[in-house]
Protein backbone atom coordinates (compact mmCIF):
# COMPACT_ATOMS: atom_id res chain seq x y z
CA MET A 1 -30.13 -6.31 13.30
CA LYS A 2 -27.64 -9.01 12.36
CA LEU A 3 -26.65 -7.13 9.14
CA ARG A 4 -26.04 -3.93 11.15
CA TRP A 5 -23.77 -5.86 13.55
CA ILE A 6 -21.83 -7.38 10.65
CA LEU A 7 -21.36 -3.96 9.01
CA LEU A 8 -20.34 -2.41 12.34
CA MET A 9 -17.78 -5.15 12.98
CA ALA A 10 -16.41 -4.87 9.44
CA GLY A 11 -15.96 -1.12 9.91
CA LEU A 12 -14.21 -1.57 13.24
CA ALA A 13 -11.95 -4.27 11.85
CA ALA A 14 -10.89 -2.12 8.90
CA GLY A 15 -10.27 1.04 10.94
CA PRO A 16 -7.16 0.16 12.93
CA ALA A 17 -5.52 -1.64 10.00
CA LEU A 18 -5.18 1.58 8.01
CA ALA A 19 -1.92 3.44 8.49
CA ASP A 20 -1.69 7.22 8.43
CA GLU A 21 -0.88 8.94 5.16
CA PRO A 22 2.77 9.15 4.12
CA VAL A 23 4.53 12.17 5.59
CA VAL A 24 7.19 14.19 3.78
CA ARG A 25 9.94 14.72 6.38
CA ASP A 26 12.42 16.57 4.16
CA VAL A 27 12.93 17.78 0.60
CA THR A 28 16.17 19.02 -0.89
CA VAL A 29 16.59 20.26 -4.44
CA GLU A 30 19.65 21.01 -6.52
CA LYS A 31 19.91 22.61 -9.91
CA VAL A 32 22.20 20.86 -12.36
CA GLY A 33 22.46 22.85 -15.57
CA MET A 34 18.89 23.46 -16.71
CA LEU A 35 17.46 20.52 -14.76
CA TRP A 36 16.74 19.80 -11.09
CA ASN A 37 17.32 16.85 -8.80
CA VAL A 38 14.67 16.40 -6.10
CA HIS A 39 15.41 14.33 -2.98
CA VAL A 40 12.44 13.44 -0.78
CA THR A 41 12.48 11.81 2.65
CA LEU A 42 9.22 10.01 3.44
CA GLU A 43 7.89 8.33 6.54
CA HIS A 44 4.98 5.88 6.51
CA ALA A 45 3.89 2.95 8.62
CA ASP A 46 4.52 0.43 5.83
CA THR A 47 3.20 -3.01 6.77
CA GLY A 48 4.47 -4.90 3.73
CA TRP A 49 3.42 -5.45 0.12
CA ASP A 50 -0.24 -4.99 1.03
CA HIS A 51 0.20 -1.42 2.37
CA PHE A 52 3.12 0.92 1.72
CA ALA A 53 4.12 4.37 0.50
CA ASP A 54 4.33 3.68 -3.21
CA GLY A 55 5.23 7.03 -4.75
CA TRP A 56 5.36 10.80 -4.71
CA GLU A 57 4.93 13.59 -7.20
CA VAL A 58 6.36 17.05 -7.76
CA LEU A 59 3.76 19.69 -8.62
CA ASP A 60 3.84 23.35 -9.63
CA LYS A 61 1.65 25.89 -7.81
CA GLU A 62 -1.21 25.27 -10.28
CA GLY A 63 -1.14 21.55 -9.47
CA ASN A 64 0.48 20.43 -12.71
CA ARG A 65 2.66 17.36 -12.36
CA LEU A 66 6.31 18.06 -13.09
CA ALA A 67 7.63 14.63 -12.07
CA TYR A 68 6.56 11.36 -10.48
CA ARG A 69 8.65 8.86 -8.53
CA GLU A 70 7.23 5.36 -8.21
CA LEU A 71 8.41 3.38 -5.20
CA MET A 72 8.67 -0.27 -6.14
CA HIS A 73 8.67 -1.96 -2.72
CA PRO A 74 7.76 -1.40 0.92
CA HIS A 75 10.25 0.11 3.38
CA VAL A 76 9.08 -1.65 6.54
CA LYS A 77 12.47 -1.60 8.27
CA GLU A 78 13.83 1.58 6.65
CA GLN A 79 11.90 4.53 8.08
CA PRO A 80 12.14 7.30 7.21
CA PHE A 81 13.75 6.77 3.80
CA THR A 82 14.98 9.05 1.02
CA ARG A 83 14.56 8.58 -2.71
CA SER A 84 15.32 10.95 -5.59
CA ILE A 85 14.28 12.02 -9.07
CA SER A 86 16.97 13.38 -11.36
CA GLY A 87 16.51 15.55 -14.42
CA VAL A 88 13.26 17.27 -13.45
CA VAL A 89 12.29 20.08 -15.81
CA ILE A 90 11.04 23.04 -13.77
CA PRO A 91 9.97 26.01 -15.89
CA ASP A 92 12.07 29.20 -15.65
CA GLY A 93 10.67 31.65 -13.14
CA THR A 94 9.17 28.97 -10.90
CA ARG A 95 9.78 29.97 -7.29
CA GLU A 96 8.18 27.03 -5.51
CA ILE A 97 7.22 23.42 -6.01
CA PHE A 98 5.09 21.04 -3.97
CA VAL A 99 5.62 17.39 -3.06
CA LYS A 100 2.66 15.07 -2.54
CA PRO A 101 3.13 11.44 -1.40
CA HIS A 102 0.97 8.43 -2.31
CA CYS A 103 0.01 5.29 -0.38
CA SER A 104 -0.93 1.98 -2.00
CA VAL A 105 -4.10 1.73 0.12
CA ASN A 106 -5.23 5.25 0.97
CA GLY A 107 -4.17 7.03 -2.22
CA TRP A 108 -2.83 10.57 -2.35
CA ALA A 109 -2.03 12.36 0.90
CA GLU A 110 -4.04 15.48 1.59
CA THR A 111 -0.96 17.39 2.76
CA LEU A 112 1.30 19.12 0.24
CA THR A 113 4.84 20.07 1.20
CA ARG A 114 5.92 23.44 -0.20
CA VAL A 115 9.54 23.84 -1.29
CA GLU A 116 11.08 27.22 -2.18
CA LEU A 117 13.52 27.25 -5.07
CA SER A 118 16.59 29.45 -5.07
CA PRO A 119 16.94 31.53 -8.24
């Protein structure tokens, strides 16, 4: 009985401490020559170095990674925030990309954000 109580209390203690997954609030893209710049605005309940949105990736419709942006520090007081990747190679004929954020504690978000590309 005591072990069950300890496990129950540990589960309850861990539950509220977890923040929701990072949310993509906006994505803008611009073509520069043959390459693309991708600007992503994220929102996440960063608590500090122990729990923060620590990156995002750009995927094609098959789920292949086209680019990855690592976020090097928490943004506790800067929410939402925008960061960019320059020089992304997106194959000719691609009509859409997807952005998927990552959290240092909970891993990859389940939600993909679809972005249409102008030809």
